[in-house]
ModelCIF file with pLDDT and N, C-alpha, C, O atoms, coordinates in Angstrom:
data_MODEL
#
_entry.id   MODEL 
#
_entity.id                         1 
_entity.type                       polymer 
_entity.pdbx_number_of_molecules   1 
#
_entity_poly.entity_id                      1 
_entity_poly.type                           'polypeptide(L)' 
_entity_poly.nstd_linkage                   no 
_entity_poly.nstd_monomer                   no 
_entity_poly.pdbx_seq_one_letter_code       QAVMAAAHPDGQGTVAIGMPPAFAAFCLRHLDIYLR 
_entity_poly.pdbx_seq_one_letter_code_can   QAVMAAAHPDGQGTVAIGMPPAFAAFCLRHLDIYLR 
_entity_poly.pdbx_strand_id                 A 
#
loop_
_entity_poly_seq.entity_id 
_entity_poly_seq.num 
_entity_poly_seq.mon_id 
_entity_poly_seq.hetero 
1 1  GLN n 
1 2  ALA n 
1 3  VAL n 
1 4  MET n 
1 5  ALA n 
1 6  ALA n 
1 7  ALA n 
1 8  HIS n 
1 9  PRO n 
1 10 ASP n 
1 11 GLY n 
1 12 GLN n 
1 13 GLY n 
1 14 THR n 
1 15 VAL n 
1 16 ALA n 
1 17 ILE n 
1 18 GLY n 
1 19 MET n 
1 20 PRO n 
1 21 PRO n 
1 22 ALA n 
1 23 PHE n 
1 24 ALA n 
1 25 ALA n 
1 26 PHE n 
1 27 CYS n 
1 28 LEU n 
1 29 ARG n 
1 30 HIS n 
1 31 LEU n 
1 32 ASP n 
1 33 ILE n 
1 34 TYR n 
1 35 LEU n 
1 36 ARG n 
#
_struct_asym.id          A 
_struct_asym.entity_id   1 
#
loop_
_ma_qa_metric.id 
_ma_qa_metric.mode 
_ma_qa_metric.name 
_ma_qa_metric.software_group_id 
_ma_qa_metric.type 
1 global pLDDT . pLDDT 
2 local  pLDDT . pLDDT 
#
_ma_qa_metric_global.metric_id      1 
_ma_qa_metric_global.metric_value   72.97 
_ma_qa_metric_global.model_id       1 
_ma_qa_metric_global.ordinal_id     1 
#
loop_
_ma_qa_metric_local.label_asym_id 
_ma_qa_metric_local.label_comp_id 
_ma_qa_metric_local.label_seq_id 
_ma_qa_metric_local.metric_id 
_ma_qa_metric_local.metric_value 
_ma_qa_metric_local.model_id 
_ma_qa_metric_local.ordinal_id 
A GLN 1  2 45.00 1 1  
A ALA 2  2 50.00 1 2  
A VAL 3  2 44.00 1 3  
A MET 4  2 49.00 1 4  
A ALA 5  2 43.00 1 5  
A ALA 6  2 45.00 1 6  
A ALA 7  2 47.00 1 7  
A HIS 8  2 45.00 1 8  
A PRO 9  2 51.00 1 9  
A ASP 10 2 56.00 1 10 
A GLY 11 2 57.00 1 11 
A GLN 12 2 61.00 1 12 
A GLY 13 2 59.00 1 13 
A THR 14 2 55.00 1 14 
A VAL 15 2 45.00 1 15 
A ALA 16 2 51.00 1 16 
A ILE 17 2 57.00 1 17 
A GLY 18 2 69.00 1 18 
A MET 19 2 78.00 1 19 
A PRO 20 2 88.00 1 20 
A PRO 21 2 92.00 1 21 
A ALA 22 2 94.00 1 22 
A PHE 23 2 95.00 1 23 
A ALA 24 2 93.00 1 24 
A ALA 25 2 94.00 1 25 
A PHE 26 2 96.00 1 26 
A CYS 27 2 95.00 1 27 
A LEU 28 2 94.00 1 28 
A ARG 29 2 96.00 1 29 
A HIS 30 2 97.00 1 30 
A LEU 31 2 97.00 1 31 
A ASP 32 2 97.00 1 32 
A ILE 33 2 98.00 1 33 
A TYR 34 2 98.00 1 34 
A LEU 35 2 98.00 1 35 
A ARG 36 2 98.00 1 36 
#
loop_
_atom_site.group_PDB 
_atom_site.id 
_atom_site.type_symbol 
_atom_site.label_atom_id 
_atom_site.label_alt_id 
_atom_site.label_comp_id 
_atom_site.label_asym_id 
_atom_site.label_entity_id 
_atom_site.label_seq_id 
_atom_site.pdbx_PDB_ins_code 
_atom_site.Cartn_x 
_atom_site.Cartn_y 
_atom_site.Cartn_z 
_atom_site.occupancy 
_atom_site.B_iso_or_equiv 
_atom_site.pdbx_formal_charge 
_atom_site.auth_seq_id 
_atom_site.auth_comp_id 
_atom_site.auth_asym_id 
_atom_site.auth_atom_id 
_atom_site.pdbx_PDB_model_num 
ATOM 1   N N  . GLN A 1 1  ? 95.029 118.474 83.358 1.00 45.00 ? 1  GLN A N  1 
ATOM 2   C CA . GLN A 1 1  ? 94.098 118.881 82.326 1.00 45.00 ? 1  GLN A CA 1 
ATOM 3   C C  . GLN A 1 1  ? 94.940 118.914 80.959 1.00 45.00 ? 1  GLN A C  1 
ATOM 4   O O  . GLN A 1 1  ? 96.118 119.272 80.950 1.00 45.00 ? 1  GLN A O  1 
ATOM 5   N N  . ALA A 1 2  ? 94.359 118.575 79.988 1.00 50.00 ? 2  ALA A N  1 
ATOM 6   C CA . ALA A 1 2  ? 95.001 118.792 78.525 1.00 50.00 ? 2  ALA A CA 1 
ATOM 7   C C  . ALA A 1 2  ? 94.606 120.524 78.387 1.00 50.00 ? 2  ALA A C  1 
ATOM 8   O O  . ALA A 1 2  ? 93.596 121.024 78.882 1.00 50.00 ? 2  ALA A O  1 
ATOM 9   N N  . VAL A 1 3  ? 95.573 121.217 77.661 1.00 44.00 ? 3  VAL A N  1 
ATOM 10  C CA . VAL A 1 3  ? 95.448 122.528 77.363 1.00 44.00 ? 3  VAL A CA 1 
ATOM 11  C C  . VAL A 1 3  ? 95.187 122.681 75.840 1.00 44.00 ? 3  VAL A C  1 
ATOM 12  O O  . VAL A 1 3  ? 95.935 122.151 75.018 1.00 44.00 ? 3  VAL A O  1 
ATOM 13  N N  . MET A 1 4  ? 94.164 123.380 75.506 1.00 49.00 ? 4  MET A N  1 
ATOM 14  C CA . MET A 1 4  ? 93.973 124.043 74.224 1.00 49.00 ? 4  MET A CA 1 
ATOM 15  C C  . MET A 1 4  ? 94.260 125.353 73.967 1.00 49.00 ? 4  MET A C  1 
ATOM 16  O O  . MET A 1 4  ? 94.026 126.073 74.938 1.00 49.00 ? 4  MET A O  1 
ATOM 17  N N  . ALA A 1 5  ? 94.750 126.005 72.857 1.00 43.00 ? 5  ALA A N  1 
ATOM 18  C CA . ALA A 1 5  ? 94.784 127.327 72.598 1.00 43.00 ? 5  ALA A CA 1 
ATOM 19  C C  . ALA A 1 5  ? 93.718 127.684 71.680 1.00 43.00 ? 5  ALA A C  1 
ATOM 20  O O  . ALA A 1 5  ? 93.507 127.099 70.618 1.00 43.00 ? 5  ALA A O  1 
ATOM 21  N N  . ALA A 1 6  ? 93.089 128.613 72.106 1.00 45.00 ? 6  ALA A N  1 
ATOM 22  C CA . ALA A 1 6  ? 92.042 129.384 71.033 1.00 45.00 ? 6  ALA A CA 1 
ATOM 23  C C  . ALA A 1 6  ? 92.149 130.754 71.061 1.00 45.00 ? 6  ALA A C  1 
ATOM 24  O O  . ALA A 1 6  ? 92.570 131.401 72.019 1.00 45.00 ? 6  ALA A O  1 
ATOM 25  N N  . ALA A 1 7  ? 91.731 131.240 69.903 1.00 47.00 ? 7  ALA A N  1 
ATOM 26  C CA . ALA A 1 7  ? 91.951 132.685 69.555 1.00 47.00 ? 7  ALA A CA 1 
ATOM 27  C C  . ALA A 1 7  ? 90.962 133.340 70.438 1.00 47.00 ? 7  ALA A C  1 
ATOM 28  O O  . ALA A 1 7  ? 89.846 132.873 70.666 1.00 47.00 ? 7  ALA A O  1 
ATOM 29  N N  . HIS A 1 8  ? 91.520 134.672 71.024 1.00 45.00 ? 8  HIS A N  1 
ATOM 30  C CA . HIS A 1 8  ? 90.965 135.286 72.038 1.00 45.00 ? 8  HIS A CA 1 
ATOM 31  C C  . HIS A 1 8  ? 89.749 136.119 71.195 1.00 45.00 ? 8  HIS A C  1 
ATOM 32  O O  . HIS A 1 8  ? 89.940 136.438 70.022 1.00 45.00 ? 8  HIS A O  1 
ATOM 33  N N  . PRO A 1 9  ? 88.697 136.388 71.777 1.00 51.00 ? 9  PRO A N  1 
ATOM 34  C CA . PRO A 1 9  ? 87.514 136.866 71.000 1.00 51.00 ? 9  PRO A CA 1 
ATOM 35  C C  . PRO A 1 9  ? 87.825 138.228 70.457 1.00 51.00 ? 9  PRO A C  1 
ATOM 36  O O  . PRO A 1 9  ? 87.308 138.612 69.408 1.00 51.00 ? 9  PRO A O  1 
ATOM 37  N N  . ASP A 1 10 ? 88.795 139.088 71.262 1.00 56.00 ? 10 ASP A N  1 
ATOM 38  C CA . ASP A 1 10 ? 88.812 140.546 70.751 1.00 56.00 ? 10 ASP A CA 1 
ATOM 39  C C  . ASP A 1 10 ? 90.245 140.496 69.742 1.00 56.00 ? 10 ASP A C  1 
ATOM 40  O O  . ASP A 1 10 ? 90.808 141.551 69.450 1.00 56.00 ? 10 ASP A O  1 
ATOM 41  N N  . GLY A 1 11 ? 90.702 139.317 69.307 1.00 57.00 ? 11 GLY A N  1 
ATOM 42  C CA . GLY A 1 11 ? 91.736 139.245 68.336 1.00 57.00 ? 11 GLY A CA 1 
ATOM 43  C C  . GLY A 1 11 ? 93.034 139.491 68.857 1.00 57.00 ? 11 GLY A C  1 
ATOM 44  O O  . GLY A 1 11 ? 93.982 139.636 68.085 1.00 57.00 ? 11 GLY A O  1 
ATOM 45  N N  . GLN A 1 12 ? 93.188 139.560 70.238 1.00 61.00 ? 12 GLN A N  1 
ATOM 46  C CA . GLN A 1 12 ? 94.350 139.905 70.703 1.00 61.00 ? 12 GLN A CA 1 
ATOM 47  C C  . GLN A 1 12 ? 95.102 138.506 71.257 1.00 61.00 ? 12 GLN A C  1 
ATOM 48  O O  . GLN A 1 12 ? 95.061 138.308 72.471 1.00 61.00 ? 12 GLN A O  1 
ATOM 49  N N  . GLY A 1 13 ? 95.643 137.737 70.578 1.00 59.00 ? 13 GLY A N  1 
ATOM 50  C CA . GLY A 1 13 ? 96.330 136.632 70.952 1.00 59.00 ? 13 GLY A CA 1 
ATOM 51  C C  . GLY A 1 13 ? 95.485 135.514 71.052 1.00 59.00 ? 13 GLY A C  1 
ATOM 52  O O  . GLY A 1 13 ? 94.365 135.473 70.544 1.00 59.00 ? 13 GLY A O  1 
ATOM 53  N N  . THR A 1 14 ? 96.126 134.390 71.853 1.00 55.00 ? 14 THR A N  1 
ATOM 54  C CA . THR A 1 14 ? 95.105 133.273 72.239 1.00 55.00 ? 14 THR A CA 1 
ATOM 55  C C  . THR A 1 14 ? 94.894 133.216 73.720 1.00 55.00 ? 14 THR A C  1 
ATOM 56  O O  . THR A 1 14 ? 95.522 133.917 74.514 1.00 55.00 ? 14 THR A O  1 
ATOM 57  N N  . VAL A 1 15 ? 93.956 132.323 74.057 1.00 45.00 ? 15 VAL A N  1 
ATOM 58  C CA . VAL A 1 15 ? 93.496 132.101 75.369 1.00 45.00 ? 15 VAL A CA 1 
ATOM 59  C C  . VAL A 1 15 ? 93.550 130.567 75.702 1.00 45.00 ? 15 VAL A C  1 
ATOM 60  O O  . VAL A 1 15 ? 92.740 129.858 75.105 1.00 45.00 ? 15 VAL A O  1 
ATOM 61  N N  . ALA A 1 16 ? 94.449 129.955 76.622 1.00 51.00 ? 16 ALA A N  1 
ATOM 62  C CA . ALA A 1 16 ? 94.460 128.528 76.952 1.00 51.00 ? 16 ALA A CA 1 
ATOM 63  C C  . ALA A 1 16 ? 93.223 128.004 77.488 1.00 51.00 ? 16 ALA A C  1 
ATOM 64  O O  . ALA A 1 16 ? 92.690 128.701 78.351 1.00 51.00 ? 16 ALA A O  1 
ATOM 65  N N  . ILE A 1 17 ? 92.735 127.082 77.208 1.00 57.00 ? 17 ILE A N  1 
ATOM 66  C CA . ILE A 1 17 ? 91.439 126.527 77.552 1.00 57.00 ? 17 ILE A CA 1 
ATOM 67  C C  . ILE A 1 17 ? 91.835 125.028 78.151 1.00 57.00 ? 17 ILE A C  1 
ATOM 68  O O  . ILE A 1 17 ? 92.388 124.198 77.429 1.00 57.00 ? 17 ILE A O  1 
ATOM 69  N N  . GLY A 1 18 ? 91.541 124.793 79.363 1.00 69.00 ? 18 GLY A N  1 
ATOM 70  C CA . GLY A 1 18 ? 91.904 123.549 79.921 1.00 69.00 ? 18 GLY A CA 1 
ATOM 71  C C  . GLY A 1 18 ? 90.660 122.592 79.640 1.00 69.00 ? 18 GLY A C  1 
ATOM 72  O O  . GLY A 1 18 ? 89.506 123.005 79.526 1.00 69.00 ? 18 GLY A O  1 
ATOM 73  N N  . MET A 1 19 ? 91.046 121.277 79.544 1.00 78.00 ? 19 MET A N  1 
ATOM 74  C CA . MET A 1 19 ? 89.980 120.448 79.223 1.00 78.00 ? 19 MET A CA 1 
ATOM 75  C C  . MET A 1 19 ? 90.311 119.007 79.791 1.00 78.00 ? 19 MET A C  1 
ATOM 76  O O  . MET A 1 19 ? 91.480 118.681 79.998 1.00 78.00 ? 19 MET A O  1 
ATOM 77  N N  . PRO A 1 20 ? 89.331 118.221 80.017 1.00 88.00 ? 20 PRO A N  1 
ATOM 78  C CA . PRO A 1 20 ? 89.721 116.973 80.631 1.00 88.00 ? 20 PRO A CA 1 
ATOM 79  C C  . PRO A 1 20 ? 90.676 116.165 79.672 1.00 88.00 ? 20 PRO A C  1 
ATOM 80  O O  . PRO A 1 20 ? 90.592 116.402 78.467 1.00 88.00 ? 20 PRO A O  1 
ATOM 81  N N  . PRO A 1 21 ? 91.506 115.301 80.087 1.00 92.00 ? 21 PRO A N  1 
ATOM 82  C CA . PRO A 1 21 ? 92.580 114.527 79.182 1.00 92.00 ? 21 PRO A CA 1 
ATOM 83  C C  . PRO A 1 21 ? 91.515 113.548 78.325 1.00 92.00 ? 21 PRO A C  1 
ATOM 84  O O  . PRO A 1 21 ? 91.615 113.359 77.112 1.00 92.00 ? 21 PRO A O  1 
ATOM 85  N N  . ALA A 1 22 ? 90.596 113.028 79.083 1.00 94.00 ? 22 ALA A N  1 
ATOM 86  C CA . ALA A 1 22 ? 89.792 112.005 78.344 1.00 94.00 ? 22 ALA A CA 1 
ATOM 87  C C  . ALA A 1 22 ? 89.210 112.704 77.246 1.00 94.00 ? 22 ALA A C  1 
ATOM 88  O O  . ALA A 1 22 ? 89.205 112.094 76.178 1.00 94.00 ? 22 ALA A O  1 
ATOM 89  N N  . PHE A 1 23 ? 88.766 113.734 77.269 1.00 95.00 ? 23 PHE A N  1 
ATOM 90  C CA . PHE A 1 23 ? 87.697 114.595 76.232 1.00 95.00 ? 23 PHE A CA 1 
ATOM 91  C C  . PHE A 1 23 ? 88.767 114.793 75.193 1.00 95.00 ? 23 PHE A C  1 
ATOM 92  O O  . PHE A 1 23 ? 88.570 114.470 74.021 1.00 95.00 ? 23 PHE A O  1 
ATOM 93  N N  . ALA A 1 24 ? 89.954 115.346 75.630 1.00 93.00 ? 24 ALA A N  1 
ATOM 94  C CA . ALA A 1 24 ? 91.357 115.843 74.496 1.00 93.00 ? 24 ALA A CA 1 
ATOM 95  C C  . ALA A 1 24 ? 91.500 114.561 73.710 1.00 93.00 ? 24 ALA A C  1 
ATOM 96  O O  . ALA A 1 24 ? 91.366 114.651 72.490 1.00 93.00 ? 24 ALA A O  1 
ATOM 97  N N  . ALA A 1 25 ? 91.768 113.308 74.272 1.00 94.00 ? 25 ALA A N  1 
ATOM 98  C CA . ALA A 1 25 ? 92.069 112.033 73.606 1.00 94.00 ? 25 ALA A CA 1 
ATOM 99  C C  . ALA A 1 25 ? 90.956 111.697 72.666 1.00 94.00 ? 25 ALA A C  1 
ATOM 100 O O  . ALA A 1 25 ? 91.129 111.321 71.507 1.00 94.00 ? 25 ALA A O  1 
ATOM 101 N N  . PHE A 1 26 ? 89.761 111.865 73.272 1.00 96.00 ? 26 PHE A N  1 
ATOM 102 C CA . PHE A 1 26 ? 88.560 111.569 72.444 1.00 96.00 ? 26 PHE A CA 1 
ATOM 103 C C  . PHE A 1 26 ? 88.436 112.294 71.117 1.00 96.00 ? 26 PHE A C  1 
ATOM 104 O O  . PHE A 1 26 ? 88.128 111.727 70.069 1.00 96.00 ? 26 PHE A O  1 
ATOM 105 N N  . CYS A 1 27 ? 88.706 113.624 71.240 1.00 95.00 ? 27 CYS A N  1 
ATOM 106 C CA . CYS A 1 27 ? 88.524 114.328 70.179 1.00 95.00 ? 27 CYS A CA 1 
ATOM 107 C C  . CYS A 1 27 ? 89.666 114.105 69.105 1.00 95.00 ? 27 CYS A C  1 
ATOM 108 O O  . CYS A 1 27 ? 89.403 114.186 67.905 1.00 95.00 ? 27 CYS A O  1 
ATOM 109 N N  . LEU A 1 28 ? 90.939 113.823 69.566 1.00 94.00 ? 28 LEU A N  1 
ATOM 110 C CA . LEU A 1 28 ? 92.128 113.542 68.732 1.00 94.00 ? 28 LEU A CA 1 
ATOM 111 C C  . LEU A 1 28 ? 91.860 112.175 68.038 1.00 94.00 ? 28 LEU A C  1 
ATOM 112 O O  . LEU A 1 28 ? 92.216 111.980 66.876 1.00 94.00 ? 28 LEU A O  1 
ATOM 113 N N  . ARG A 1 29 ? 91.321 111.381 68.669 1.00 96.00 ? 29 ARG A N  1 
ATOM 114 C CA . ARG A 1 29 ? 90.995 109.962 68.194 1.00 96.00 ? 29 ARG A CA 1 
ATOM 115 C C  . ARG A 1 29 ? 89.963 110.003 66.881 1.00 96.00 ? 29 ARG A C  1 
ATOM 116 O O  . ARG A 1 29 ? 90.086 109.334 65.854 1.00 96.00 ? 29 ARG A O  1 
ATOM 117 N N  . HIS A 1 30 ? 89.006 110.881 67.164 1.00 97.00 ? 30 HIS A N  1 
ATOM 118 C CA . HIS A 1 30 ? 87.794 110.918 66.002 1.00 97.00 ? 30 HIS A CA 1 
ATOM 119 C C  . HIS A 1 30 ? 87.954 112.092 65.126 1.00 97.00 ? 30 HIS A C  1 
ATOM 120 O O  . HIS A 1 30 ? 87.318 112.126 64.073 1.00 97.00 ? 30 HIS A O  1 
ATOM 121 N N  . LEU A 1 31 ? 88.906 113.261 65.525 1.00 97.00 ? 31 LEU A N  1 
ATOM 122 C CA . LEU A 1 31 ? 88.726 114.280 64.608 1.00 97.00 ? 31 LEU A CA 1 
ATOM 123 C C  . LEU A 1 31 ? 89.100 114.061 63.073 1.00 97.00 ? 31 LEU A C  1 
ATOM 124 O O  . LEU A 1 31 ? 88.568 114.793 62.238 1.00 97.00 ? 31 LEU A O  1 
ATOM 125 N N  . ASP A 1 32 ? 89.746 113.351 62.791 1.00 97.00 ? 32 ASP A N  1 
ATOM 126 C CA . ASP A 1 32 ? 90.131 112.879 61.352 1.00 97.00 ? 32 ASP A CA 1 
ATOM 127 C C  . ASP A 1 32 ? 89.010 112.338 60.568 1.00 97.00 ? 32 ASP A C  1 
ATOM 128 O O  . ASP A 1 32 ? 88.663 112.760 59.464 1.00 97.00 ? 32 ASP A O  1 
ATOM 129 N N  . ILE A 1 33 ? 88.465 111.363 61.227 1.00 98.00 ? 33 ILE A N  1 
ATOM 130 C CA . ILE A 1 33 ? 87.265 110.674 60.653 1.00 98.00 ? 33 ILE A CA 1 
ATOM 131 C C  . ILE A 1 33 ? 85.932 111.831 60.577 1.00 98.00 ? 33 ILE A C  1 
ATOM 132 O O  . ILE A 1 33 ? 85.156 111.871 59.623 1.00 98.00 ? 33 ILE A O  1 
ATOM 133 N N  . TYR A 1 34 ? 85.859 112.635 61.638 1.00 98.00 ? 34 TYR A N  1 
ATOM 134 C CA . TYR A 1 34 ? 84.851 113.468 61.636 1.00 98.00 ? 34 TYR A CA 1 
ATOM 135 C C  . TYR A 1 34 ? 84.863 114.741 60.498 1.00 98.00 ? 34 TYR A C  1 
ATOM 136 O O  . TYR A 1 34 ? 83.943 115.333 59.933 1.00 98.00 ? 34 TYR A O  1 
ATOM 137 N N  . LEU A 1 35 ? 86.217 114.867 60.439 1.00 98.00 ? 35 LEU A N  1 
ATOM 138 C CA . LEU A 1 35 ? 86.422 115.963 59.267 1.00 98.00 ? 35 LEU A CA 1 
ATOM 139 C C  . LEU A 1 35 ? 86.366 115.441 57.921 1.00 98.00 ? 35 LEU A C  1 
ATOM 140 O O  . LEU A 1 35 ? 86.126 116.241 57.016 1.00 98.00 ? 35 LEU A O  1 
ATOM 141 N N  . ARG A 1 36 ? 86.536 114.326 57.674 1.00 98.00 ? 36 ARG A N  1 
ATOM 142 C CA . ARG A 1 36 ? 86.433 113.671 56.351 1.00 98.00 ? 36 ARG A CA 1 
ATOM 143 C C  . ARG A 1 36 ? 84.933 113.530 56.222 1.00 98.00 ? 36 ARG A C  1 
ATOM 144 O O  . ARG A 1 36 ? 84.446 113.011 55.217 1.00 98.00 ? 36 ARG A O  1 
#
């Protein structure tokens, strides 16, 4: 699994979130164009 860090809801650091590698790759591939 790919791991992404996200802010913890109570503001106390971050939480590691596992995601399928294919999803992480998809997001990385499309992120710049989606943002633009």
